[in-house]
Structure formats: structure tokens, C-alpha cells
């Protein structure tokens, strides 16, 4: 699954366009490297999102095309 779509489906970011803009601005990294929106997310990846003063670190636990609001939190584990 593409990184921008994963961020939206997992509800780490509200909208896919916002996720895309964050990737274009180089505010998203996977495994310590800046990632593009087209990066293929895999289980075990560590995603870092820099939004202003906030930095979110999350480990990917599950990749699925759809998730309900209740199940979205099961797709990742916050590290920070």
C-alpha cells in the first residue's frame, strides 16, 4: 500500500492530500530515510511524521485497504 494511503487509512493523518503534501515537503520518513508518497509500506516499518513541533513515530503492525475508526488504531503502535 502507498504511504500516503496508509497514513489516511490508519488515521495518522486526516486526509490523503495532507499526507501527500507532508511527503512532498519531506516531513515523513520511513526507517530514518525521507520517503515519497509512493513508498510501499510493509509490516515492521517505522514511520516518522514531523508536523510543526509534533513528531509522531509509529511502527506498522498491519496493512489493510480499509479500516473502521475502531480498527484503525490496530494498524500501528506509537513509539514516542
PDB file of N, CA and C in Angstrom:
ATOM      1  N   UNK A   1       0.843  -1.168   0.000  1.00  0.00           N
ATOM      2  CA  UNK A   1       0.000   0.000   0.000  1.00  0.00           C
ATOM      3  C   UNK A   1       0.895   1.241   0.000  1.00  0.00           C
ATOM      4  N   UNK A   2       0.490   2.254  -0.722  1.00  0.00           N
ATOM      5  CA  UNK A   2       1.232   3.508  -0.783  1.00  0.00           C
ATOM      6  C   UNK A   2       1.262   4.180   0.588  1.00  0.00           C
ATOM      7  N   UNK A   3       2.328   4.891   0.859  1.00  0.00           N
ATOM      8  CA  UNK A   3       2.495   5.563   2.151  1.00  0.00           C
ATOM      9  C   UNK A   3       1.393   6.578   2.415  1.00  0.00           C
ATOM     10  N   UNK A   4       1.052   7.397   1.427  1.00  0.00           N
ATOM     11  CA  UNK A   4       0.020   8.410   1.654  1.00  0.00           C
ATOM     12  C   UNK A   4      -1.332   7.773   1.967  1.00  0.00           C
ATOM     13  N   UNK A   5      -1.652   6.667   1.299  1.00  0.00           N
ATOM     14  CA  UNK A   5      -2.912   5.978   1.573  1.00  0.00           C
ATOM     15  C   UNK A   5      -2.876   5.327   2.953  1.00  0.00           C
ATOM     16  N   UNK A   6      -1.752   4.742   3.334  1.00  0.00           N
ATOM     17  CA  UNK A   6      -1.640   4.118   4.656  1.00  0.00           C
ATOM     18  C   UNK A   6      -1.853   5.144   5.763  1.00  0.00           C
ATOM     19  N   UNK A   7      -1.245   6.314   5.612  1.00  0.00           N
ATOM     20  CA  UNK A   7      -1.399   7.354   6.625  1.00  0.00           C
ATOM     21  C   UNK A   7      -2.853   7.766   6.783  1.00  0.00           C
ATOM     22  N   UNK A   8      -3.590   7.793   5.687  1.00  0.00           N
ATOM     23  CA  UNK A   8      -5.004   8.165   5.721  1.00  0.00           C
ATOM     24  C   UNK A   8      -5.852   7.042   6.301  1.00  0.00           C
ATOM     25  N   UNK A   9      -5.658   5.803   5.831  1.00  0.00           N
ATOM     26  CA  UNK A   9      -6.469   4.668   6.291  1.00  0.00           C
ATOM     27  C   UNK A   9      -6.235   4.408   7.781  1.00  0.00           C
ATOM     28  N   UNK A  10      -4.996   4.541   8.231  1.00  0.00           N
ATOM     29  CA  UNK A  10      -4.680   4.298   9.645  1.00  0.00           C
ATOM     30  C   UNK A  10      -5.058   5.484  10.527  1.00  0.00           C
ATOM     31  N   UNK A  11      -5.472   6.560   9.900  1.00  0.00           N
ATOM     32  CA  UNK A  11      -5.901   7.783  10.573  1.00  0.00           C
ATOM     33  C   UNK A  11      -4.769   8.464  11.351  1.00  0.00           C
ATOM     34  N   UNK A  12      -3.529   8.278  10.912  1.00  0.00           N
ATOM     35  CA  UNK A  12      -2.416   9.059  11.452  1.00  0.00           C
ATOM     36  C   UNK A  12      -2.498  10.488  10.914  1.00  0.00           C
ATOM     37  N   UNK A  13      -3.055  10.623   9.695  1.00  0.00           N
ATOM     38  CA  UNK A  13      -3.289  11.925   9.064  1.00  0.00           C
ATOM     39  C   UNK A  13      -4.733  11.926   8.587  1.00  0.00           C
ATOM     40  N   UNK A  14      -5.415  13.079   8.704  1.00  0.00           N
ATOM     41  CA  UNK A  14      -6.847  13.124   8.394  1.00  0.00           C
ATOM     42  C   UNK A  14      -7.184  12.883   6.930  1.00  0.00           C
ATOM     43  N   UNK A  15      -6.426  13.506   6.029  1.00  0.00           N
ATOM     44  CA  UNK A  15      -6.766  13.413   4.609  1.00  0.00           C
ATOM     45  C   UNK A  15      -5.566  12.941   3.801  1.00  0.00           C
ATOM     46  N   UNK A  16      -5.846  12.253   2.700  1.00  0.00           N
ATOM     47  CA  UNK A  16      -4.769  11.740   1.851  1.00  0.00           C
ATOM     48  C   UNK A  16      -4.002  12.879   1.195  1.00  0.00           C
ATOM     49  N   UNK A  17      -4.695  13.966   0.848  1.00  0.00           N
ATOM     50  CA  UNK A  17      -3.993  15.097   0.242  1.00  0.00           C
ATOM     51  C   UNK A  17      -3.011  15.720   1.225  1.00  0.00           C
ATOM     52  N   UNK A  18      -3.384  15.775   2.489  1.00  0.00           N
ATOM     53  CA  UNK A  18      -2.474  16.294   3.527  1.00  0.00           C
ATOM     54  C   UNK A  18      -1.271  15.362   3.668  1.00  0.00           C
ATOM     55  N   UNK A  19      -1.510  14.060   3.643  1.00  0.00           N
ATOM     56  CA  UNK A  19      -0.422  13.079   3.716  1.00  0.00           C
ATOM     57  C   UNK A  19       0.519  13.244   2.521  1.00  0.00           C
ATOM     58  N   UNK A  20      -0.049  13.467   1.352  1.00  0.00           N
ATOM     59  CA  UNK A  20       0.740  13.673   0.141  1.00  0.00           C
ATOM     60  C   UNK A  20       1.595  14.931   0.259  1.00  0.00           C
ATOM     61  N   UNK A  21       1.012  16.010   0.770  1.00  0.00           N
ATOM     62  CA  UNK A  21       1.747  17.265   0.941  1.00  0.00           C
ATOM     63  C   UNK A  21       2.871  17.109   1.966  1.00  0.00           C
ATOM     64  N   UNK A  22       2.631  16.372   3.041  1.00  0.00           N
ATOM     65  CA  UNK A  22       3.674  16.120   4.041  1.00  0.00           C
ATOM     66  C   UNK A  22       4.849  15.364   3.424  1.00  0.00           C
ATOM     67  N   UNK A  23       4.541  14.383   2.578  1.00  0.00           N
ATOM     68  CA  UNK A  23       5.599  13.614   1.908  1.00  0.00           C
ATOM     69  C   UNK A  23       6.374  14.498   0.939  1.00  0.00           C
ATOM     70  N   UNK A  24       5.660  15.331   0.180  1.00  0.00           N
ATOM     71  CA  UNK A  24       6.319  16.222  -0.778  1.00  0.00           C
ATOM     72  C   UNK A  24       7.228  17.228  -0.078  1.00  0.00           C
ATOM     73  N   UNK A  25       6.834  17.658   1.121  1.00  0.00           N
ATOM     74  CA  UNK A  25       7.616  18.624   1.887  1.00  0.00           C
ATOM     75  C   UNK A  25       8.733  17.949   2.687  1.00  0.00           C
ATOM     76  N   UNK A  26       8.882  16.639   2.533  1.00  0.00           N
ATOM     77  CA  UNK A  26       9.925  15.852   3.201  1.00  0.00           C
ATOM     78  C   UNK A  26       9.793  15.863   4.719  1.00  0.00           C
ATOM     79  N   UNK A  27       8.536  15.798   5.197  1.00  0.00           N
ATOM     80  CA  UNK A  27       8.265  15.735   6.627  1.00  0.00           C
ATOM     81  C   UNK A  27       7.967  14.312   7.090  1.00  0.00           C
ATOM     82  N   UNK A  28       8.005  13.350   6.174  1.00  0.00           N
ATOM     83  CA  UNK A  28       7.720  11.957   6.516  1.00  0.00           C
ATOM     84  C   UNK A  28       8.949  11.118   6.179  1.00  0.00           C
ATOM     85  N   UNK A  29       9.371  10.296   7.144  1.00  0.00           N
ATOM     86  CA  UNK A  29      10.489   9.392   6.883  1.00  0.00           C
ATOM     87  C   UNK A  29      10.120   7.986   7.334  1.00  0.00           C
ATOM     88  N   UNK A  30      10.700   7.015   6.651  1.00  0.00           N
ATOM     89  CA  UNK A  30      10.486   5.607   6.985  1.00  0.00           C
ATOM     90  C   UNK A  30      11.859   4.985   7.198  1.00  0.00           C
ATOM     91  N   UNK A  31      12.077   4.453   8.379  1.00  0.00           N
ATOM     92  CA  UNK A  31      13.366   3.840   8.685  1.00  0.00           C
ATOM     93  C   UNK A  31      14.509   4.839   8.671  1.00  0.00           C
ATOM     94  N   UNK A  32      14.222   6.095   8.993  1.00  0.00           N
ATOM     95  CA  UNK A  32      15.264   7.111   9.038  1.00  0.00           C
ATOM     96  C   UNK A  32      15.554   7.795   7.725  1.00  0.00           C
ATOM     97  N   UNK A  33      14.894   7.380   6.645  1.00  0.00           N
ATOM     98  CA  UNK A  33      15.102   7.995   5.330  1.00  0.00           C
ATOM     99  C   UNK A  33      13.833   8.704   4.891  1.00  0.00           C
ATOM    100  N   UNK A  34      13.992   9.870   4.273  1.00  0.00           N
ATOM    101  CA  UNK A  34      12.835  10.610   3.763  1.00  0.00           C
ATOM    102  C   UNK A  34      12.129   9.752   2.723  1.00  0.00           C
ATOM    103  N   UNK A  35      10.804   9.656   2.846  1.00  0.00           N
ATOM    104  CA  UNK A  35      10.030   8.769   1.964  1.00  0.00           C
ATOM    105  C   UNK A  35       9.077   9.578   1.105  1.00  0.00           C
ATOM    106  N   UNK A  36       8.888   9.100  -0.108  1.00  0.00           N
ATOM    107  CA  UNK A  36       7.917   9.707  -1.017  1.00  0.00           C
ATOM    108  C   UNK A  36       6.549   9.094  -0.753  1.00  0.00           C
ATOM    109  N   UNK A  37       5.514   9.742  -1.264  1.00  0.00           N
ATOM    110  CA  UNK A  37       4.141   9.266  -1.080  1.00  0.00           C
ATOM    111  C   UNK A  37       3.932   7.899  -1.727  1.00  0.00           C
ATOM    112  N   UNK A  38       4.723   7.574  -2.733  1.00  0.00           N
ATOM    113  CA  UNK A  38       4.561   6.310  -3.450  1.00  0.00           C
ATOM    114  C   UNK A  38       5.294   5.142  -2.786  1.00  0.00           C
ATOM    115  N   UNK A  39       5.968   5.366  -1.672  1.00  0.00           N
ATOM    116  CA  UNK A  39       6.682   4.305  -0.956  1.00  0.00           C
ATOM    117  C   UNK A  39       5.703   3.194  -0.561  1.00  0.00           C
ATOM    118  N   UNK A  40       6.095   1.951  -0.768  1.00  0.00           N
ATOM    119  CA  UNK A  40       5.256   0.797  -0.410  1.00  0.00           C
ATOM    120  C   UNK A  40       5.483   0.436   1.059  1.00  0.00           C
ATOM    121  N   UNK A  41       4.465   0.618   1.865  1.00  0.00           N
ATOM    122  CA  UNK A  41       4.545   0.352   3.299  1.00  0.00           C
ATOM    123  C   UNK A  41       4.504  -1.151   3.552  1.00  0.00           C
ATOM    124  N   UNK A  42       5.385  -1.614   4.470  1.00  0.00           N
ATOM    125  CA  UNK A  42       5.440  -3.021   4.847  1.00  0.00           C
ATOM    126  C   UNK A  42       5.322  -3.130   6.360  1.00  0.00           C
ATOM    127  N   UNK A  43       4.886  -4.280   6.829  1.00  0.00           N
ATOM    128  CA  UNK A  43       4.808  -4.530   8.271  1.00  0.00           C
ATOM    129  C   UNK A  43       6.218  -4.451   8.842  1.00  0.00           C
ATOM    130  N   UNK A  44       6.364  -3.746   9.954  1.00  0.00           N
ATOM    131  CA  UNK A  44       7.669  -3.581  10.585  1.00  0.00           C
ATOM    132  C   UNK A  44       8.323  -2.244  10.301  1.00  0.00           C
ATOM    133  N   UNK A  45       7.834  -1.500   9.306  1.00  0.00           N
ATOM    134  CA  UNK A  45       8.378  -0.177   9.008  1.00  0.00           C
ATOM    135  C   UNK A  45       8.121   0.768  10.169  1.00  0.00           C
ATOM    136  N   UNK A  46       9.057   1.671  10.419  1.00  0.00           N
ATOM    137  CA  UNK A  46       8.876   2.714  11.431  1.00  0.00           C
ATOM    138  C   UNK A  46       8.716   4.039  10.693  1.00  0.00           C
ATOM    139  N   UNK A  47       7.543   4.642  10.854  1.00  0.00           N
ATOM    140  CA  UNK A  47       7.203   5.883  10.163  1.00  0.00           C
ATOM    141  C   UNK A  47       7.336   7.044  11.139  1.00  0.00           C
ATOM    142  N   UNK A  48       8.021   8.114  10.701  1.00  0.00           N
ATOM    143  CA  UNK A  48       8.137   9.336  11.490  1.00  0.00           C
ATOM    144  C   UNK A  48       7.485  10.471  10.719  1.00  0.00           C
ATOM    145  N   UNK A  49       6.571  11.184  11.379  1.00  0.00           N
ATOM    146  CA  UNK A  49       5.866  12.299  10.755  1.00  0.00           C
ATOM    147  C   UNK A  49       6.164  13.550  11.564  1.00  0.00           C
ATOM    148  N   UNK A  50       6.707  14.569  10.907  1.00  0.00           N
ATOM    149  CA  UNK A  50       7.023  15.838  11.556  1.00  0.00           C
ATOM    150  C   UNK A  50       5.973  16.863  11.151  1.00  0.00           C
ATOM    151  N   UNK A  51       5.132  17.269  12.112  1.00  0.00           N
ATOM    152  CA  UNK A  51       4.105  18.273  11.854  1.00  0.00           C
ATOM    153  C   UNK A  51       4.305  19.414  12.841  1.00  0.00           C
ATOM    154  N   UNK A  52       4.977  20.461  12.401  1.00  0.00           N
ATOM    155  CA  UNK A  52       5.279  21.582  13.286  1.00  0.00           C
ATOM    156  C   UNK A  52       6.186  21.130  14.406  1.00  0.00           C
ATOM    157  N   UNK A  53       5.769  21.358  15.651  1.00  0.00           N
ATOM    158  CA  UNK A  53       6.557  20.943  16.810  1.00  0.00           C
ATOM    159  C   UNK A  53       6.339  19.477  17.167  1.00  0.00           C
ATOM    160  N   UNK A  54       5.277  18.877  16.618  1.00  0.00           N
ATOM    161  CA  UNK A  54       4.941  17.487  16.945  1.00  0.00           C
ATOM    162  C   UNK A  54       5.678  16.514  16.043  1.00  0.00           C
ATOM    163  N   UNK A  55       6.174  15.449  16.647  1.00  0.00           N
ATOM    164  CA  UNK A  55       6.796  14.369  15.890  1.00  0.00           C
ATOM    165  C   UNK A  55       6.125  13.066  16.312  1.00  0.00           C
ATOM    166  N   UNK A  56       5.566  12.365  15.329  1.00  0.00           N
ATOM    167  CA  UNK A  56       4.883  11.099  15.600  1.00  0.00           C
ATOM    168  C   UNK A  56       5.744   9.970  15.052  1.00  0.00           C
ATOM    169  N   UNK A  57       6.066   8.993  15.897  1.00  0.00           N
ATOM    170  CA  UNK A  57       6.781   7.793  15.473  1.00  0.00           C
ATOM    171  C   UNK A  57       5.854   6.610  15.671  1.00  0.00           C
ATOM    172  N   UNK A  58       5.657   5.827  14.613  1.00  0.00           N
ATOM    173  CA  UNK A  58       4.754   4.679  14.700  1.00  0.00           C
ATOM    174  C   UNK A  58       5.341   3.503  13.939  1.00  0.00           C
ATOM    175  N   UNK A  59       5.187   2.323  14.515  1.00  0.00           N
ATOM    176  CA  UNK A  59       5.613   1.081  13.862  1.00  0.00           C
ATOM    177  C   UNK A  59       4.392   0.451  13.201  1.00  0.00           C
ATOM    178  N   UNK A  60       4.549   0.042  11.943  1.00  0.00           N
ATOM    179  CA  UNK A  60       3.456  -0.570  11.188  1.00  0.00           C
ATOM    180  C   UNK A  60       3.262  -2.000  11.669  1.00  0.00           C
ATOM    181  N   UNK A  61       2.053  -2.310  12.140  1.00  0.00           N
ATOM    182  CA  UNK A  61       1.729  -3.658  12.605  1.00  0.00           C
ATOM    183  C   UNK A  61       0.887  -4.416  11.598  1.00  0.00           C
ATOM    184  N   UNK A  62       0.139  -3.680  10.785  1.00  0.00           N
ATOM    185  CA  UNK A  62      -0.818  -4.310   9.876  1.00  0.00           C
ATOM    186  C   UNK A  62      -1.043  -3.377   8.693  1.00  0.00           C
ATOM    187  N   UNK A  63      -1.204  -3.957   7.507  1.00  0.00           N
ATOM    188  CA  UNK A  63      -1.516  -3.188   6.303  1.00  0.00           C
ATOM    189  C   UNK A  63      -2.803  -3.738   5.722  1.00  0.00           C
ATOM    190  N   UNK A  64      -3.849  -2.905   5.682  1.00  0.00           N
ATOM    191  CA  UNK A  64      -5.107  -3.325   5.078  1.00  0.00           C
ATOM    192  C   UNK A  64      -5.713  -2.146   4.329  1.00  0.00           C
ATOM    193  N   UNK A  65      -6.456  -2.464   3.266  1.00  0.00           N
ATOM    194  CA  UNK A  65      -7.009  -1.429   2.395  1.00  0.00           C
ATOM    195  C   UNK A  65      -8.049  -0.561   3.090  1.00  0.00           C
ATOM    196  N   UNK A  66      -8.800  -1.135   4.009  1.00  0.00           N
ATOM    197  CA  UNK A  66      -9.870  -0.414   4.686  1.00  0.00           C
ATOM    198  C   UNK A  66      -9.777  -0.660   6.185  1.00  0.00           C
ATOM    199  N   UNK A  67     -10.193   0.325   6.954  1.00  0.00           N
ATOM    200  CA  UNK A  67     -10.227   0.165   8.407  1.00  0.00           C
ATOM    201  C   UNK A  67     -11.321   1.058   8.973  1.00  0.00           C
ATOM    202  N   UNK A  68     -12.068   0.524   9.910  1.00  0.00           N
ATOM    203  CA  UNK A  68     -13.058   1.330  10.603  1.00  0.00           C
ATOM    204  C   UNK A  68     -12.342   2.198  11.637  1.00  0.00           C
ATOM    205  N   UNK A  69     -13.056   3.147  12.195  1.00  0.00           N
ATOM    206  CA  UNK A  69     -12.448   4.028  13.191  1.00  0.00           C
ATOM    207  C   UNK A  69     -11.934   3.231  14.381  1.00  0.00           C
ATOM    208  N   UNK A  70     -12.657   2.191  14.753  1.00  0.00           N
ATOM    209  CA  UNK A  70     -12.253   1.374  15.908  1.00  0.00           C
ATOM    210  C   UNK A  70     -11.010   0.529  15.594  1.00  0.00           C
ATOM    211  N   UNK A  71     -10.879   0.051  14.355  1.00  0.00           N
ATOM    212  CA  UNK A  71      -9.773  -0.831  13.985  1.00  0.00           C
ATOM    213  C   UNK A  71      -8.529  -0.090  13.504  1.00  0.00           C
ATOM    214  N   UNK A  72      -8.640   1.194  13.221  1.00  0.00           N
ATOM    215  CA  UNK A  72      -7.511   1.943  12.671  1.00  0.00           C
ATOM    216  C   UNK A  72      -6.325   1.952  13.641  1.00  0.00           C
ATOM    217  N   UNK A  73      -6.581   2.014  14.934  1.00  0.00           N
ATOM    218  CA  UNK A  73      -5.509   2.024  15.924  1.00  0.00           C
ATOM    219  C   UNK A  73      -4.729   0.725  15.998  1.00  0.00           C
ATOM    220  N   UNK A  74      -5.301  -0.359  15.484  1.00  0.00           N
ATOM    221  CA  UNK A  74      -4.616  -1.652  15.485  1.00  0.00           C
ATOM    222  C   UNK A  74      -3.604  -1.782  14.358  1.00  0.00           C
ATOM    223  N   UNK A  75      -3.584  -0.823  13.437  1.00  0.00           N
ATOM    224  CA  UNK A  75      -2.683  -0.894  12.288  1.00  0.00           C
ATOM    225  C   UNK A  75      -1.262  -0.442  12.628  1.00  0.00           C
ATOM    226  N   UNK A  76      -1.097   0.256  13.762  1.00  0.00           N
ATOM    227  CA  UNK A  76       0.214   0.768  14.126  1.00  0.00           C
ATOM    228  C   UNK A  76       0.364   0.801  15.645  1.00  0.00           C
ATOM    229  N   UNK A  77       1.624   0.981  16.075  1.00  0.00           N
ATOM    230  CA  UNK A  77       1.931   1.125  17.506  1.00  0.00           C
ATOM    231  C   UNK A  77       2.782   2.379  17.649  1.00  0.00           C
ATOM    232  N   UNK A  78       2.330   3.323  18.484  1.00  0.00           N
ATOM    233  CA  UNK A  78       3.085   4.567  18.695  1.00  0.00           C
ATOM    234  C   UNK A  78       4.344   4.262  19.492  1.00  0.00           C
ATOM    235  N   UNK A  79       5.448   4.859  19.062  1.00  0.00           N
ATOM    236  CA  UNK A  79       6.739   4.626  19.724  1.00  0.00           C
ATOM    237  C   UNK A  79       7.181   5.804  20.573  1.00  0.00           C
ATOM    238  N   UNK A  80       6.646   6.986  20.305  1.00  0.00           N
ATOM    239  CA  UNK A  80       7.091   8.155  21.081  1.00  0.00           C
ATOM    240  C   UNK A  80       5.943   8.815  21.791  1.00  0.00           C
TER     241      UNK A  80
END
